[in-house]
Amino acid sequence: MDEQKLRKMYDEIRGAELRNDKTGQHDDKYMVDRIMRYLLEKAKEEVNE
């Protein structure tokens, strides 16, 4: 995985965290679970490429 893809993933995760911090919509456990699912999905995509 190249640095550009990693940076994009980091920015997406960080953006979601910041939005959630502002709204308080979800608790930390939900956000961690959501981030884990996102990372697993991206890892599967990377393996299939």
PDB file of N, CA and C in Angstrom:
ATOM      1  N   MET A   1       0.856  -1.168   0.000  1.00  0.00           N
ATOM      2  CA  MET A   1       0.000   0.000   0.000  1.00  0.00           C
ATOM      3  C   MET A   1       0.901   1.230   0.000  1.00  0.00           C
ATOM      4  N   ASP A   2       0.594   2.157  -0.870  1.00  0.00           N
ATOM      5  CA  ASP A   2       1.456   3.334  -0.963  1.00  0.00           C
ATOM      6  C   ASP A   2       1.050   4.423   0.040  1.00  0.00           C
ATOM      7  N   GLU A   3       1.925   5.373   0.175  1.00  0.00           N
ATOM      8  CA  GLU A   3       1.731   6.428   1.173  1.00  0.00           C
ATOM      9  C   GLU A   3       0.480   7.259   0.897  1.00  0.00           C
ATOM     10  N   GLN A   4       0.173   7.484  -0.370  1.00  0.00           N
ATOM     11  CA  GLN A   4      -1.003   8.283  -0.719  1.00  0.00           C
ATOM     12  C   GLN A   4      -2.296   7.603  -0.246  1.00  0.00           C
ATOM     13  N   LYS A   5      -2.401   6.292  -0.430  1.00  0.00           N
ATOM     14  CA  LYS A   5      -3.582   5.556   0.029  1.00  0.00           C
ATOM     15  C   LYS A   5      -3.688   5.597   1.548  1.00  0.00           C
ATOM     16  N   LEU A   6      -2.557   5.424   2.220  1.00  0.00           N
ATOM     17  CA  LEU A   6      -2.558   5.479   3.683  1.00  0.00           C
ATOM     18  C   LEU A   6      -2.981   6.857   4.183  1.00  0.00           C
ATOM     19  N   ARG A   7      -2.494   7.897   3.547  1.00  0.00           N
ATOM     20  CA  ARG A   7      -2.846   9.262   3.939  1.00  0.00           C
ATOM     21  C   ARG A   7      -4.345   9.497   3.755  1.00  0.00           C
ATOM     22  N   LYS A   8      -4.900   9.011   2.640  1.00  0.00           N
ATOM     23  CA  LYS A   8      -6.331   9.172   2.379  1.00  0.00           C
ATOM     24  C   LYS A   8      -7.152   8.438   3.443  1.00  0.00           C
ATOM     25  N   MET A   9      -6.749   7.219   3.776  1.00  0.00           N
ATOM     26  CA  MET A   9      -7.459   6.457   4.805  1.00  0.00           C
ATOM     27  C   MET A   9      -7.388   7.179   6.148  1.00  0.00           C
ATOM     28  N   TYR A  10      -6.213   7.660   6.502  1.00  0.00           N
ATOM     29  CA  TYR A  10      -6.049   8.387   7.763  1.00  0.00           C
ATOM     30  C   TYR A  10      -6.949   9.621   7.788  1.00  0.00           C
ATOM     31  N   ASP A  11      -6.957  10.366   6.694  1.00  0.00           N
ATOM     32  CA  ASP A  11      -7.772  11.579   6.632  1.00  0.00           C
ATOM     33  C   ASP A  11      -9.257  11.259   6.766  1.00  0.00           C
ATOM     34  N   GLU A  12      -9.712  10.168   6.141  1.00  0.00           N
ATOM     35  CA  GLU A  12     -11.115   9.773   6.244  1.00  0.00           C
ATOM     36  C   GLU A  12     -11.472   9.390   7.680  1.00  0.00           C
ATOM     37  N   ILE A  13     -10.613   8.605   8.311  1.00  0.00           N
ATOM     38  CA  ILE A  13     -10.866   8.187   9.697  1.00  0.00           C
ATOM     39  C   ILE A  13     -10.839   9.396  10.626  1.00  0.00           C
ATOM     40  N   ARG A  14      -9.841  10.230  10.467  1.00  0.00           N
ATOM     41  CA  ARG A  14      -9.717  11.411  11.333  1.00  0.00           C
ATOM     42  C   ARG A  14     -10.903  12.347  11.145  1.00  0.00           C
ATOM     43  N   GLY A  15     -11.345  12.515   9.905  1.00  0.00           N
ATOM     44  CA  GLY A  15     -12.506  13.359   9.641  1.00  0.00           C
ATOM     45  C   GLY A  15     -13.752  12.826  10.322  1.00  0.00           C
ATOM     46  N   ALA A  16     -13.940  11.515  10.268  1.00  0.00           N
ATOM     47  CA  ALA A  16     -15.099  10.900  10.928  1.00  0.00           C
ATOM     48  C   ALA A  16     -15.025  11.107  12.436  1.00  0.00           C
ATOM     49  N   GLU A  17     -13.824  10.978  12.995  1.00  0.00           N
ATOM     50  CA  GLU A  17     -13.659  11.199  14.440  1.00  0.00           C
ATOM     51  C   GLU A  17     -13.978  12.642  14.821  1.00  0.00           C
ATOM     52  N   LEU A  18     -13.500  13.583  14.029  1.00  0.00           N
ATOM     53  CA  LEU A  18     -13.754  14.993  14.328  1.00  0.00           C
ATOM     54  C   LEU A  18     -15.237  15.323  14.227  1.00  0.00           C
ATOM     55  N   ARG A  19     -15.902  14.791  13.187  1.00  0.00           N
ATOM     56  CA  ARG A  19     -17.345  15.022  13.056  1.00  0.00           C
ATOM     57  C   ARG A  19     -18.089  14.444  14.247  1.00  0.00           C
ATOM     58  N   ASN A  20     -17.690  13.251  14.679  1.00  0.00           N
ATOM     59  CA  ASN A  20     -18.350  12.627  15.820  1.00  0.00           C
ATOM     60  C   ASN A  20     -18.071  13.398  17.108  1.00  0.00           C
ATOM     61  N   ASP A  21     -16.863  13.920  17.253  1.00  0.00           N
ATOM     62  CA  ASP A  21     -16.547  14.720  18.440  1.00  0.00           C
ATOM     63  C   ASP A  21     -17.444  15.956  18.514  1.00  0.00           C
ATOM     64  N   LYS A  22     -17.731  16.552  17.358  1.00  0.00           N
ATOM     65  CA  LYS A  22     -18.578  17.748  17.333  1.00  0.00           C
ATOM     66  C   LYS A  22     -20.032  17.411  17.627  1.00  0.00           C
ATOM     67  N   THR A  23     -20.517  16.304  17.049  1.00  0.00           N
ATOM     68  CA  THR A  23     -21.935  15.971  17.194  1.00  0.00           C
ATOM     69  C   THR A  23     -22.212  15.125  18.424  1.00  0.00           C
ATOM     70  N   GLY A  24     -21.244  14.311  18.834  1.00  0.00           N
ATOM     71  CA  GLY A  24     -21.447  13.411  19.965  1.00  0.00           C
ATOM     72  C   GLY A  24     -22.459  12.324  19.669  1.00  0.00           C
ATOM     73  N   GLN A  25     -22.650  12.040  18.389  1.00  0.00           N
ATOM     74  CA  GLN A  25     -23.675  11.089  17.968  1.00  0.00           C
ATOM     75  C   GLN A  25     -23.392   9.663  18.436  1.00  0.00           C
ATOM     76  N   HIS A  26     -22.130   9.248  18.387  1.00  0.00           N
ATOM     77  CA  HIS A  26     -21.779   7.869  18.725  1.00  0.00           C
ATOM     78  C   HIS A  26     -20.771   7.840  19.871  1.00  0.00           C
ATOM     79  N   ASP A  27     -20.800   6.758  20.648  1.00  0.00           N
ATOM     80  CA  ASP A  27     -19.816   6.609  21.716  1.00  0.00           C
ATOM     81  C   ASP A  27     -18.507   6.069  21.145  1.00  0.00           C
ATOM     82  N   ASP A  28     -17.474   6.047  21.975  1.00  0.00           N
ATOM     83  CA  ASP A  28     -16.143   5.635  21.518  1.00  0.00           C
ATOM     84  C   ASP A  28     -16.118   4.192  21.042  1.00  0.00           C
ATOM     85  N   LYS A  29     -16.822   3.302  21.722  1.00  0.00           N
ATOM     86  CA  LYS A  29     -16.828   1.889  21.329  1.00  0.00           C
ATOM     87  C   LYS A  29     -17.390   1.730  19.922  1.00  0.00           C
ATOM     88  N   TYR A  30     -18.470   2.427  19.625  1.00  0.00           N
ATOM     89  CA  TYR A  30     -19.062   2.361  18.288  1.00  0.00           C
ATOM     90  C   TYR A  30     -18.059   2.849  17.248  1.00  0.00           C
ATOM     91  N   MET A  31     -17.385   3.951  17.532  1.00  0.00           N
ATOM     92  CA  MET A  31     -16.430   4.506  16.576  1.00  0.00           C
ATOM     93  C   MET A  31     -15.253   3.563  16.359  1.00  0.00           C
ATOM     94  N   VAL A  32     -14.762   2.932  17.412  1.00  0.00           N
ATOM     95  CA  VAL A  32     -13.661   1.973  17.263  1.00  0.00           C
ATOM     96  C   VAL A  32     -14.116   0.794  16.407  1.00  0.00           C
ATOM     97  N   ASP A  33     -15.313   0.281  16.658  1.00  0.00           N
ATOM     98  CA  ASP A  33     -15.841  -0.824  15.851  1.00  0.00           C
ATOM     99  C   ASP A  33     -15.976  -0.413  14.390  1.00  0.00           C
ATOM    100  N   ARG A  34     -16.474   0.780  14.169  1.00  0.00           N
ATOM    101  CA  ARG A  34     -16.652   1.276  12.804  1.00  0.00           C
ATOM    102  C   ARG A  34     -15.307   1.432  12.094  1.00  0.00           C
ATOM    103  N   ILE A  35     -14.316   1.955  12.791  1.00  0.00           N
ATOM    104  CA  ILE A  35     -12.980   2.116  12.212  1.00  0.00           C
ATOM    105  C   ILE A  35     -12.371   0.755  11.895  1.00  0.00           C
ATOM    106  N   MET A  36     -12.544  -0.212  12.787  1.00  0.00           N
ATOM    107  CA  MET A  36     -12.020  -1.564  12.542  1.00  0.00           C
ATOM    108  C   MET A  36     -12.652  -2.171  11.295  1.00  0.00           C
ATOM    109  N   ARG A  37     -13.964  -2.034  11.145  1.00  0.00           N
ATOM    110  CA  ARG A  37     -14.640  -2.557   9.949  1.00  0.00           C
ATOM    111  C   ARG A  37     -14.110  -1.879   8.689  1.00  0.00           C
ATOM    112  N   TYR A  38     -13.901  -0.569   8.767  1.00  0.00           N
ATOM    113  CA  TYR A  38     -13.375   0.190   7.640  1.00  0.00           C
ATOM    114  C   TYR A  38     -11.979  -0.305   7.257  1.00  0.00           C
ATOM    115  N   LEU A  39     -11.119  -0.490   8.251  1.00  0.00           N
ATOM    116  CA  LEU A  39      -9.755  -0.948   7.976  1.00  0.00           C
ATOM    117  C   LEU A  39      -9.739  -2.365   7.415  1.00  0.00           C
ATOM    118  N   LEU A  40     -10.599  -3.241   7.932  1.00  0.00           N
ATOM    119  CA  LEU A  40     -10.682  -4.602   7.395  1.00  0.00           C
ATOM    120  C   LEU A  40     -11.151  -4.589   5.947  1.00  0.00           C
ATOM    121  N   GLU A  41     -12.131  -3.744   5.645  1.00  0.00           N
ATOM    122  CA  GLU A  41     -12.623  -3.625   4.275  1.00  0.00           C
ATOM    123  C   GLU A  41     -11.509  -3.157   3.341  1.00  0.00           C
ATOM    124  N   LYS A  42     -10.755  -2.156   3.768  1.00  0.00           N
ATOM    125  CA  LYS A  42      -9.658  -1.634   2.951  1.00  0.00           C
ATOM    126  C   LYS A  42      -8.550  -2.678   2.783  1.00  0.00           C
ATOM    127  N   ALA A  43      -8.273  -3.457   3.814  1.00  0.00           N
ATOM    128  CA  ALA A  43      -7.259  -4.512   3.721  1.00  0.00           C
ATOM    129  C   ALA A  43      -7.686  -5.577   2.719  1.00  0.00           C
ATOM    130  N   LYS A  44      -8.959  -5.958   2.742  1.00  0.00           N
ATOM    131  CA  LYS A  44      -9.465  -6.939   1.781  1.00  0.00           C
ATOM    132  C   LYS A  44      -9.356  -6.409   0.362  1.00  0.00           C
ATOM    133  N   GLU A  45      -9.688  -5.127   0.164  1.00  0.00           N
ATOM    134  CA  GLU A  45      -9.556  -4.518  -1.158  1.00  0.00           C
ATOM    135  C   GLU A  45      -8.106  -4.552  -1.621  1.00  0.00           C
ATOM    136  N   GLU A  46      -7.190  -4.264  -0.723  1.00  0.00           N
ATOM    137  CA  GLU A  46      -5.768  -4.237  -1.069  1.00  0.00           C
ATOM    138  C   GLU A  46      -5.278  -5.630  -1.457  1.00  0.00           C
ATOM    139  N   VAL A  47      -5.749  -6.650  -0.775  1.00  0.00           N
ATOM    140  CA  VAL A  47      -5.347  -8.027  -1.086  1.00  0.00           C
ATOM    141  C   VAL A  47      -5.874  -8.430  -2.456  1.00  0.00           C
ATOM    142  N   ASN A  48      -7.077  -7.997  -2.784  1.00  0.00           N
ATOM    143  CA  ASN A  48      -7.698  -8.374  -4.053  1.00  0.00           C
ATOM    144  C   ASN A  48      -7.130  -7.621  -5.243  1.00  0.00           C
ATOM    145  N   GLU A  49      -6.380  -6.548  -5.022  1.00  0.00           N
ATOM    146  CA  GLU A  49      -5.811  -5.781  -6.139  1.00  0.00           C
ATOM    147  C   GLU A  49      -4.621  -6.451  -6.738  1.00  0.00           C
TER     148      GLU A  49
END
